[in-house]
């Protein structure tokens, strides 16, 4: 689970105030104890909660469009194995396009037609 790996990194880096953005509302609500924890992942959630103790961790829900770079990097890691990117220049062209598009601060609008 990506959140668990992120929290382990945060713990190792000794960060105590972080904002984590996720496109999974399910994950956010389970971690914040709004929804019940599925029994299959209780052990993982207990470790997540343990790693969050003593830190200010804000988990924010964002739409998938706001998470394009993270999705791109996750898929790249699945495809190639371990991937490490330390700066913009190390990104492949698709990753650079995502970052540059994000820098334009053009909002993504979700529009649905109302049912009559």
Protein backbone atom coordinates (compact mmCIF):
# COMPACT_ATOMS: atom_id res chain seq x y z
CA UNK A 1 0.00 0.00 0.00
CA UNK A 2 1.48 3.32 -1.13
CA UNK A 3 0.37 5.19 1.99
CA UNK A 4 2.24 2.77 4.24
CA UNK A 5 5.42 3.18 2.18
CA UNK A 6 5.04 6.97 2.24
CA UNK A 7 4.64 6.97 6.02
CA UNK A 8 7.71 4.75 6.44
CA UNK A 9 9.67 7.25 4.35
CA UNK A 10 8.29 10.16 6.39
CA UNK A 11 9.33 8.35 9.58
CA UNK A 12 12.84 7.65 8.26
CA UNK A 13 13.23 11.25 7.07
CA UNK A 14 12.02 12.43 10.50
CA UNK A 15 9.33 14.68 9.03
CA UNK A 16 6.66 15.65 11.54
CA UNK A 17 4.25 17.82 9.51
CA UNK A 18 3.08 16.47 6.16
CA UNK A 19 0.17 16.69 3.76
CA UNK A 20 -0.60 13.52 1.83
CA UNK A 21 -2.85 13.79 -1.21
CA UNK A 22 -4.75 10.73 -2.41
CA UNK A 23 -7.32 10.13 -5.09
CA UNK A 24 -8.81 7.35 -2.95
CA UNK A 25 -11.66 8.68 -0.84
CA UNK A 26 -12.05 5.15 0.53
CA UNK A 27 -8.48 5.16 1.87
CA UNK A 28 -8.83 8.65 3.34
CA UNK A 29 -12.04 7.78 5.19
CA UNK A 30 -10.73 4.46 6.49
CA UNK A 31 -7.49 6.01 7.79
CA UNK A 32 -9.46 8.83 9.43
CA UNK A 33 -11.77 6.21 11.01
CA UNK A 34 -14.84 7.61 9.27
CA UNK A 35 -15.51 4.22 7.67
CA UNK A 36 -14.95 0.74 9.06
CA UNK A 37 -11.67 -1.00 8.29
CA UNK A 38 -12.06 -4.10 6.12
CA UNK A 39 -10.77 -7.03 8.19
CA UNK A 40 -8.29 -8.02 5.46
CA UNK A 41 -6.29 -4.81 5.96
CA UNK A 42 -6.57 -4.29 9.73
CA UNK A 43 -2.87 -5.08 10.29
CA UNK A 44 -1.79 -2.60 7.62
CA UNK A 45 -4.04 0.12 9.05
CA UNK A 46 -2.70 -0.47 12.55
CA UNK A 47 0.83 0.10 11.24
CA UNK A 48 -0.33 3.23 9.38
CA UNK A 49 -1.90 4.62 12.56
CA UNK A 50 1.25 3.77 14.54
CA UNK A 51 3.45 5.62 12.05
CA UNK A 52 1.12 8.64 12.17
CA UNK A 53 1.36 8.97 15.97
CA UNK A 54 3.23 12.04 17.16
CA UNK A 55 3.10 13.65 13.71
CA UNK A 56 0.77 16.11 12.06
CA UNK A 57 -0.45 14.18 9.03
CA UNK A 58 -3.19 15.70 6.90
CA UNK A 59 -4.72 13.36 4.35
CA UNK A 60 -6.43 15.28 1.58
CA UNK A 61 -8.68 13.85 -1.12
CA UNK A 62 -8.00 15.05 -4.65
CA UNK A 63 -9.55 14.00 -7.92
CA UNK A 64 -7.56 11.66 -10.12
CA UNK A 65 -6.75 14.52 -12.52
CA UNK A 66 -4.79 16.22 -9.73
CA UNK A 67 -2.79 13.06 -9.18
CA UNK A 68 -1.52 12.53 -12.73
CA UNK A 69 2.18 12.72 -11.88
CA UNK A 70 1.88 10.24 -9.01
CA UNK A 71 -0.10 7.85 -11.23
CA UNK A 72 2.49 8.23 -13.98
CA UNK A 73 5.39 7.49 -11.61
CA UNK A 74 3.59 4.53 -10.02
CA UNK A 75 2.89 3.02 -13.44
CA UNK A 76 6.49 3.67 -14.49
CA UNK A 77 7.72 1.81 -11.40
CA UNK A 78 5.40 -1.11 -12.15
CA UNK A 79 6.70 -1.23 -15.70
CA UNK A 80 10.43 -0.77 -15.02
CA UNK A 81 10.90 -1.79 -11.41
CA UNK A 82 12.53 0.63 -8.99
CA UNK A 83 12.48 4.20 -10.28
CA UNK A 84 14.20 7.16 -8.66
CA UNK A 85 13.69 10.72 -9.90
CA UNK A 86 15.44 13.54 -8.06
CA UNK A 87 14.77 16.49 -10.34
CA UNK A 88 12.73 17.63 -13.33
CA UNK A 89 15.54 16.90 -15.80
CA UNK A 90 15.54 13.22 -14.82
CA UNK A 91 11.90 12.77 -15.82
CA UNK A 92 11.05 11.18 -19.15
CA UNK A 93 9.23 13.40 -21.64
CA UNK A 94 5.75 12.28 -20.56
CA UNK A 95 6.51 13.14 -16.94
CA UNK A 96 7.86 16.54 -17.97
CA UNK A 97 4.65 17.22 -19.93
CA UNK A 98 2.56 16.42 -16.85
CA UNK A 99 4.61 18.76 -14.65
CA UNK A 100 4.54 21.57 -17.22
CA UNK A 101 0.80 21.16 -17.71
CA UNK A 102 0.30 21.33 -13.94
CA UNK A 103 2.38 24.53 -13.74
CA UNK A 104 -0.09 26.27 -16.08
CA UNK A 105 -2.67 26.12 -13.25
CA UNK A 106 -5.50 25.49 -15.69
CA UNK A 107 -8.42 24.01 -13.78
CA UNK A 108 -9.86 20.68 -14.82
CA UNK A 109 -13.64 20.91 -14.91
CA UNK A 110 -15.85 17.91 -14.33
CA UNK A 111 -19.17 18.57 -16.02
CA UNK A 112 -22.14 16.24 -15.90
CA UNK A 113 -25.49 16.73 -17.50
CA UNK A 114 -28.36 16.88 -15.03
CA UNK A 115 -31.02 14.23 -15.36
CA UNK A 116 -34.48 15.57 -15.94
